[in-house]
Structure formats: C-alpha cells, structure tokens
Protein backbone atom coordinates (compact mmCIF):
# COMPACT_ATOMS: atom_id res chain seq x y z
CA MET A 1 0.00 0.00 0.00
CA THR A 2 1.45 3.39 -0.97
CA ALA A 3 1.57 6.37 1.35
CA ASN A 4 -0.98 8.19 -0.80
CA THR A 5 -3.38 5.25 -0.69
CA ALA A 6 -3.08 5.05 3.10
CA ALA A 7 -3.73 8.76 3.43
CA GLU A 8 -6.88 8.49 1.33
CA LEU A 9 -8.43 5.85 3.61
CA PRO A 10 -10.84 7.83 5.81
CA CYS A 11 -10.64 5.50 8.83
CA ARG A 12 -6.91 4.79 8.95
CA THR A 13 -6.42 6.25 12.41
CA LEU A 14 -3.07 6.80 14.09
CA TYR A 15 -4.00 4.28 16.78
CA PRO A 16 -5.89 0.97 16.37
CA ILE A 17 -9.59 0.72 17.23
CA VAL A 18 -10.77 -1.57 20.05
CA LEU A 19 -14.51 -2.31 20.10
CA LEU A 20 -16.11 -3.17 23.45
CA HIS A 21 -19.63 -4.61 23.59
CA GLY A 22 -22.22 -4.19 26.32
CA VAL A 23 -24.04 -6.53 28.65
CA GLY A 24 -25.61 -9.65 27.14
CA TYR A 25 -23.37 -9.67 24.07
CA ARG A 26 -20.22 -11.55 23.11
CA ASP A 27 -17.83 -11.05 20.23
CA ASP A 28 -18.14 -14.70 19.18
CA MET A 29 -21.84 -15.49 19.62
CA LEU A 30 -23.85 -16.39 16.52
CA MET A 31 -27.22 -15.01 17.62
CA LEU A 32 -26.10 -12.09 19.78
CA ASN A 33 -22.84 -11.32 18.05
CA SER A 34 -21.88 -7.76 18.81
CA TRP A 35 -21.18 -5.14 16.13
CA GLY A 36 -22.72 -6.87 13.09
CA ARG A 37 -21.37 -5.41 9.85
CA ILE A 38 -19.48 -2.60 11.57
CA PRO A 39 -15.94 -4.11 11.89
CA LYS A 40 -15.72 -5.11 8.22
CA ARG A 41 -16.94 -1.71 7.04
CA LEU A 42 -14.34 0.02 9.22
CA GLU A 43 -11.56 -2.24 8.02
CA ALA A 44 -12.52 -1.63 4.40
CA ALA A 45 -12.10 2.09 5.10
CA GLY A 46 -8.62 1.57 6.51
CA ALA A 47 -9.19 1.05 10.24
CA SER A 48 -7.22 -1.48 12.24
CA VAL A 49 -10.01 -3.08 14.29
CA PHE A 50 -9.85 -5.38 17.31
CA GLN A 51 -12.49 -6.62 19.71
CA GLY A 52 -12.24 -6.93 23.47
CA GLY A 53 -13.38 -10.54 23.81
CA LEU A 54 -15.14 -9.87 27.11
CA ASP A 55 -17.80 -11.96 28.85
CA ALA A 56 -21.43 -11.05 28.23
CA TRP A 57 -22.34 -10.96 31.93
CA ASN A 58 -19.64 -9.78 34.30
CA SER A 59 -18.75 -6.97 36.68
CA HIS A 60 -16.91 -4.01 35.22
CA GLN A 61 -13.96 -4.73 37.53
CA SER A 62 -13.57 -8.30 36.22
CA SER A 63 -14.07 -7.18 32.63
CA ALA A 64 -11.49 -4.42 32.95
CA LEU A 65 -8.96 -6.84 34.45
CA ALA A 66 -9.52 -9.21 31.53
CA LEU A 67 -9.29 -6.36 29.04
CA LYS A 68 -5.95 -4.99 30.20
CA PRO A 69 -3.76 -7.86 28.87
CA THR A 70 -5.83 -7.92 25.67
CA ILE A 71 -4.98 -4.29 24.99
CA GLU A 72 -1.36 -4.91 25.88
CA ARG A 73 -1.25 -7.71 23.29
CA ILE A 74 -2.83 -5.44 20.70
CA LEU A 75 -0.19 -2.78 21.35
CA SER A 76 2.57 -5.36 21.09
CA GLN A 77 1.12 -6.81 17.89
CA THR A 78 0.64 -3.45 16.17
CA GLY A 79 3.62 -1.61 17.57
CA SER A 80 1.31 1.22 18.51
CA ALA A 81 1.76 3.29 21.65
CA LYS A 82 -1.97 3.65 22.33
CA VAL A 83 -5.44 2.49 21.28
CA ASN A 84 -8.74 4.18 20.55
CA ILE A 85 -11.58 2.49 22.43
CA ILE A 86 -15.12 2.60 21.08
CA ALA A 87 -17.51 1.10 23.60
CA HIS A 88 -21.22 0.40 23.51
CA SER A 89 -23.38 0.48 26.64
CA LYS A 90 -21.74 -1.20 29.68
CA GLY A 91 -18.49 -1.47 27.75
CA GLY A 92 -18.01 2.24 28.28
CA LEU A 93 -18.04 1.81 32.05
CA GLU A 94 -15.51 -1.01 31.83
CA ALA A 95 -13.26 1.18 29.69
CA ARG A 96 -13.52 4.07 32.13
CA TYR A 97 -12.58 1.76 35.00
CA LEU A 98 -9.66 0.33 33.00
CA ILE A 99 -8.30 3.79 32.24
CA SER A 100 -8.70 5.25 35.73
CA LYS A 101 -8.06 2.31 38.03
CA LEU A 102 -5.71 -0.03 36.17
CA ASP A 103 -2.99 2.44 35.14
CA MET A 104 -3.90 2.41 31.46
CA ALA A 105 -4.38 6.14 30.88
CA ASP A 106 -1.07 6.32 29.00
CA ARG A 107 -2.13 3.45 26.71
CA VAL A 108 -5.53 4.83 25.67
CA ALA A 109 -5.66 7.84 23.35
CA SER A 110 -9.43 8.20 23.26
CA LEU A 111 -12.61 6.67 24.64
CA THR A 112 -15.79 6.98 22.62
CA THR A 113 -18.86 5.72 24.48
CA ILE A 114 -22.09 4.94 22.66
CA CYS A 115 -25.37 4.56 24.56
CA THR A 116 -23.44 4.01 27.80
CA PRO A 117 -25.51 4.44 31.00
CA HIS A 118 -23.02 6.73 32.73
CA ARG A 119 -25.68 7.73 35.24
CA GLY A 120 -27.43 4.38 35.35
CA SER A 121 -30.79 3.21 34.07
CA ALA A 122 -34.18 2.84 35.71
CA VAL A 123 -34.53 -0.46 33.83
CA ALA A 124 -31.62 -1.83 35.87
CA ASP A 125 -33.19 -0.33 38.99
CA LEU A 126 -36.38 -2.24 38.36
CA VAL A 127 -34.67 -5.55 37.61
CA ALA A 128 -32.38 -5.22 40.61
CA GLY A 129 -35.31 -4.36 42.86
CA ASP A 130 -34.14 -0.83 43.62
CA ILE A 131 -37.54 0.62 42.75
CA PRO A 132 -40.94 -1.04 43.22
CA ASP A 133 -43.48 -0.99 40.43
CA THR A 134 -45.94 0.92 42.63
CA GLU A 135 -47.20 3.11 39.79
CA ASN A 136 -47.68 0.19 37.41
CA LEU A 137 -45.01 1.76 35.22
CA LEU A 138 -44.56 -1.49 33.35
CA SER A 139 -47.80 -3.40 33.60
CA ILE A 140 -46.36 -6.76 32.63
CA ASN A 141 -43.16 -6.01 34.59
CA PHE A 142 -41.46 -8.56 32.38
CA PHE A 143 -37.83 -8.06 33.31
CA LYS A 144 -38.40 -8.03 37.06
CA ARG A 145 -40.56 -11.16 36.97
CA LEU A 146 -38.04 -12.89 34.74
CA ALA A 147 -35.26 -12.23 37.23
CA GLN A 148 -37.43 -13.35 40.15
CA ARG A 149 -38.62 -16.53 38.45
CA PHE A 150 -35.39 -17.79 37.00
CA GLY A 151 -32.91 -15.97 39.19
CA PHE A 152 -29.52 -14.60 38.38
CA ALA A 153 -28.01 -18.04 39.00
CA ALA A 154 -29.93 -19.41 36.04
CA MET A 155 -28.72 -16.49 33.94
CA ASP A 156 -25.16 -17.37 34.93
CA ILE A 157 -25.70 -20.96 33.81
CA LEU A 158 -26.98 -19.80 30.43
CA ALA A 159 -24.05 -17.41 30.14
CA ARG A 160 -21.60 -20.24 30.73
CA ILE A 161 -23.29 -22.29 28.02
CA THR A 162 -22.86 -19.43 25.57
CA GLY A 163 -19.18 -18.98 26.41
CA ASP A 164 -18.73 -16.79 29.49
CA LYS A 165 -15.89 -17.96 31.72
CA SER A 166 -17.03 -16.43 35.00
CA PRO A 167 -20.44 -14.76 34.61
CA GLN A 168 -21.89 -12.52 37.32
CA ALA A 169 -25.28 -11.57 35.92
CA GLY A 170 -26.68 -10.19 39.14
CA MET A 171 -23.62 -8.03 39.73
CA ALA A 172 -23.60 -6.85 36.11
CA ILE A 173 -27.19 -5.61 36.40
CA ARG A 174 -26.77 -4.03 39.84
CA GLN A 175 -23.78 -2.10 38.53
CA LEU A 176 -26.08 -0.43 36.00
CA THR A 177 -28.43 1.05 38.60
CA ARG A 178 -28.61 4.79 39.09
CA SER A 179 -27.48 4.65 42.71
CA TYR A 180 -24.46 2.51 41.88
CA LEU A 181 -23.37 4.70 38.98
CA ALA A 182 -23.61 7.85 41.12
CA GLU A 183 -20.92 6.39 43.39
CA PHE A 184 -18.98 4.97 40.44
CA ASN A 185 -18.70 8.43 38.92
CA ARG A 186 -17.30 9.80 42.17
CA GLN A 187 -14.74 7.02 42.41
CA VAL A 188 -13.72 6.73 38.75
CA PRO A 189 -12.61 10.14 37.47
CA ASP A 190 -11.59 10.96 33.93
CA MET A 191 -7.84 10.90 33.42
CA PRO A 192 -5.77 13.74 31.93
CA GLY A 193 -4.43 13.02 28.48
CA VAL A 194 -7.35 10.80 27.45
CA TYR A 195 -9.96 12.23 25.09
CA TYR A 196 -13.49 11.32 26.25
CA GLN A 197 -16.48 11.70 23.95
CA SER A 198 -19.96 10.22 23.83
CA TYR A 199 -22.87 9.53 21.51
CA GLY A 200 -26.39 8.30 22.11
CA THR A 201 -29.59 7.72 20.23
CA VAL A 202 -33.31 7.99 20.87
CA MET A 203 -36.45 6.01 20.06
CA ARG A 204 -39.17 8.35 18.80
CA ARG A 205 -41.93 5.83 19.59
CA ALA A 206 -42.12 2.41 21.17
CA ILE A 207 -42.80 0.84 17.76
CA ASP A 208 -39.39 2.00 16.47
CA ASP A 209 -38.10 -1.30 17.86
CA PRO A 210 -40.60 -3.80 19.32
CA VAL A 211 -37.82 -5.53 21.29
CA PHE A 212 -37.32 -2.37 23.33
CA ALA A 213 -40.93 -1.13 23.29
CA ALA A 214 -41.74 -1.93 26.93
CA THR A 215 -38.53 -0.54 28.36
CA GLN A 216 -38.78 2.56 26.18
CA ALA A 217 -42.20 3.30 27.63
CA LEU A 218 -40.96 2.66 31.16
CA LEU A 219 -37.96 4.96 30.80
CA GLN A 220 -40.01 7.65 29.09
CA ARG A 221 -42.12 8.00 32.22
CA ILE A 222 -39.19 7.91 34.65
CA GLU A 223 -36.23 9.49 32.84
CA GLY A 224 -37.58 11.05 29.65
CA ASP A 225 -36.25 10.53 26.13
CA ASN A 226 -34.30 7.30 25.77
CA ASP A 227 -33.12 4.51 23.47
CA GLY A 228 -35.05 1.74 25.22
CA MET A 229 -32.36 1.16 27.84
CA VAL A 230 -30.50 4.42 28.46
CA SER A 231 -31.81 7.97 28.69
CA THR A 232 -30.40 10.72 26.51
CA LEU A 233 -29.07 12.38 29.66
CA SER A 234 -27.41 9.26 31.05
CA CYS A 235 -25.49 8.56 27.84
CA GLN A 236 -23.63 11.87 27.93
CA TRP A 237 -20.02 11.86 29.11
CA GLY A 238 -17.02 13.98 28.23
CA ARG A 239 -17.63 15.80 24.96
CA PHE A 240 -21.16 14.88 23.95
CA ARG A 241 -21.32 14.60 20.16
CA GLY A 242 -25.07 14.17 19.83
CA LEU A 243 -27.71 11.55 19.05
CA VAL A 244 -27.07 9.23 16.12
CA GLY A 245 -29.95 9.38 13.66
CA ALA A 246 -31.58 12.35 15.36
CA SER A 247 -32.13 14.13 12.05
CA ASN A 248 -35.08 11.81 11.33
CA PRO A 249 -38.07 13.31 13.18
CA ASP A 250 -40.33 10.33 12.51
CA ARG A 251 -38.30 7.22 13.27
CA GLY A 252 -35.71 6.65 15.93
CA LEU A 253 -33.04 4.10 16.75
CA SER A 254 -32.89 1.75 19.71
CA HIS A 255 -30.13 0.78 22.11
CA GLY A 256 -29.60 -2.44 20.17
CA ASP A 257 -29.59 -0.74 16.79
CA LEU A 258 -26.29 0.96 17.63
CA VAL A 259 -24.51 -2.41 17.47
CA ASP A 260 -26.22 -3.21 14.16
CA TYR A 261 -28.20 -6.07 15.67
CA ARG A 262 -30.95 -5.75 13.04
CA GLY A 263 -28.45 -5.50 10.19
CA VAL A 264 -30.01 -5.08 6.77
CA LEU A 265 -33.49 -5.36 8.30
CA LEU A 266 -33.09 -1.80 9.55
CA THR A 267 -33.92 0.09 6.38
CA HIS A 268 -34.19 3.72 7.47
CA PHE A 269 -30.63 4.20 8.73
CA ASP A 270 -27.15 2.90 7.83
CA ILE A 271 -25.60 2.00 11.20
CA PRO A 272 -22.11 1.08 9.89
CA ALA A 273 -21.95 4.44 8.12
CA ALA A 274 -22.37 6.17 11.49
CA TYR A 275 -19.26 4.37 12.76
CA LEU A 276 -17.36 5.37 9.63
CA ASP A 277 -18.15 8.97 10.53
CA ILE A 278 -17.06 8.46 14.16
CA VAL A 279 -13.74 6.87 13.26
CA SER A 280 -13.08 9.31 10.43
CA ASP A 281 -13.57 12.12 12.93
CA LEU A 282 -11.08 10.47 15.32
CA LYS A 283 -8.57 10.38 12.48
CA GLN A 284 -9.11 14.06 11.74
CA GLN A 285 -8.51 14.86 15.41
CA GLY A 286 -5.16 13.11 15.27
CA PHE A 287 -6.08 9.90 17.06
C-alpha cells in the first residue's frame, strides 16, 4: 500500500480501534454477536479493528482486568503506543474503570462511548429491585418477573453455556443502577491526556423497535427521552457529540440498533456508516 493510498483511507487512524460490547453480548456469539457489519466496514475504510473478547455478563472490575492484557497484546502486535476504544453500553463503564483504576491512561488515546448508562438506568433499577413498580409503570413487569422466576443463578448458567468464563449476571445488572453509577462516577474520574467523547440515540416511539418497546415506555415515564435502555441524559459523558440518527423526526433508533443487531433489516438508517463517521472524525482529530 502506498503512502498516498493510506492517506486516502478515511478511517486509517493513528491508533488501532478496540470495540467493546455491552451486557448480554459476546464477540463470538452467533445469535447475539456484537457489532454486526461494523468491523468489516471500518476495516474496508482503513481502520485497524480489534475486539475486546469480554464476557457477556460480568462486573466491570472483572471485565477491565480481563481487558488490560488484551490491549497490551494489541499494542505489542501493532507496535502502537496507544489504542482508541469505542464502547457500547456497559463497555463504556468497563473502559472508564480500565483507564482510571488499572494504570492504562497512557495506553488509551481516546474513549468513545455509545449509549453508555453513565448515570445508570431505571430499567436496571427495576430488575435489581431498587424501585418497586408501585405506579404500574410497566404493567407486565417482564424483566423483574423474569429475574425473580429464573434468578440470576440461572442467567449465569446460560451465560456459561454461551461462552462466558465467569459470569456474574446479578452483579452486572446491579452495577447499571442509578445509585451505583452515582458512586462509580465519584470514584472513577476521567484521566488527563485521554480524550473522552460520547454519543447516544433515541427512540421516537415504542414501535421503532418492538424488542425495546416496553422498556422505552418505562424509561419515558421515569427518565424522559431514551433509546429503550439508556436515557439521553445518562449517555452523555465527556464531549457529547449528539444523538445518532436524530435528524429523522419520525423514526428513531434503539439501544440495540447501535450495534447493528438488526443489520439489513433496519432500512431507514445505515448503522455502519455512522461508525465510519465516528472513526473518520477520530482520524481528523489526530487519534
């Protein structure tokens, strides 16, 4: 590849890209494989893309500890001094913990969080039992009843079957509550020298994504505009770059849409193209 060709690739960033998924996803699952078409589109545009390989259901401390040697291997393999992390949902919290608490601030150039519940989510509150459903906010109360009936232990068993090494489903959910994240934010400060930016999205109506319809309605009553899991206020951290797809006043995007989980079935927005814009912008900023 010539120097001119490399320069023309819009996503050939100075530092490699590390993608971190959120809760419930794995990099190697067939049905809930994180990121969909996104990695290949980024690579075709010149990006050097790696994935974190984290468990689907684990605490952010355990995930960050597992992530540290992975990033060190990426740096050794590429010869790069730093990485750019792009993290969806809970992955953003794990990245923040990694940077602040595991002495990795000098190895991370930038952290881009997407739909990360930096201030928690009332959905996690409800599942964890932090708030009662006294106002019949979610008439079926599906998630809370599911947790009560099957228990977090059963979720851990399922997680092991799908590949998790040491799942902690109950802990993973409790660490997404609003009360927990308030303390987390006090204990996990941003580190100098790391560029922090964030994006979110919003569902215009519950029918934008039937999978997230119930939780969107729940959050709308408690926290206002949201993506079905995270409010538009909770997703903001560092330099807030806006809501992906917000230019469409009629149809919104869900929390799951931002990892391309509907793929080509989502016809009104090109999710991989949004990531091309994000990574191209990182390149322009010198990362």
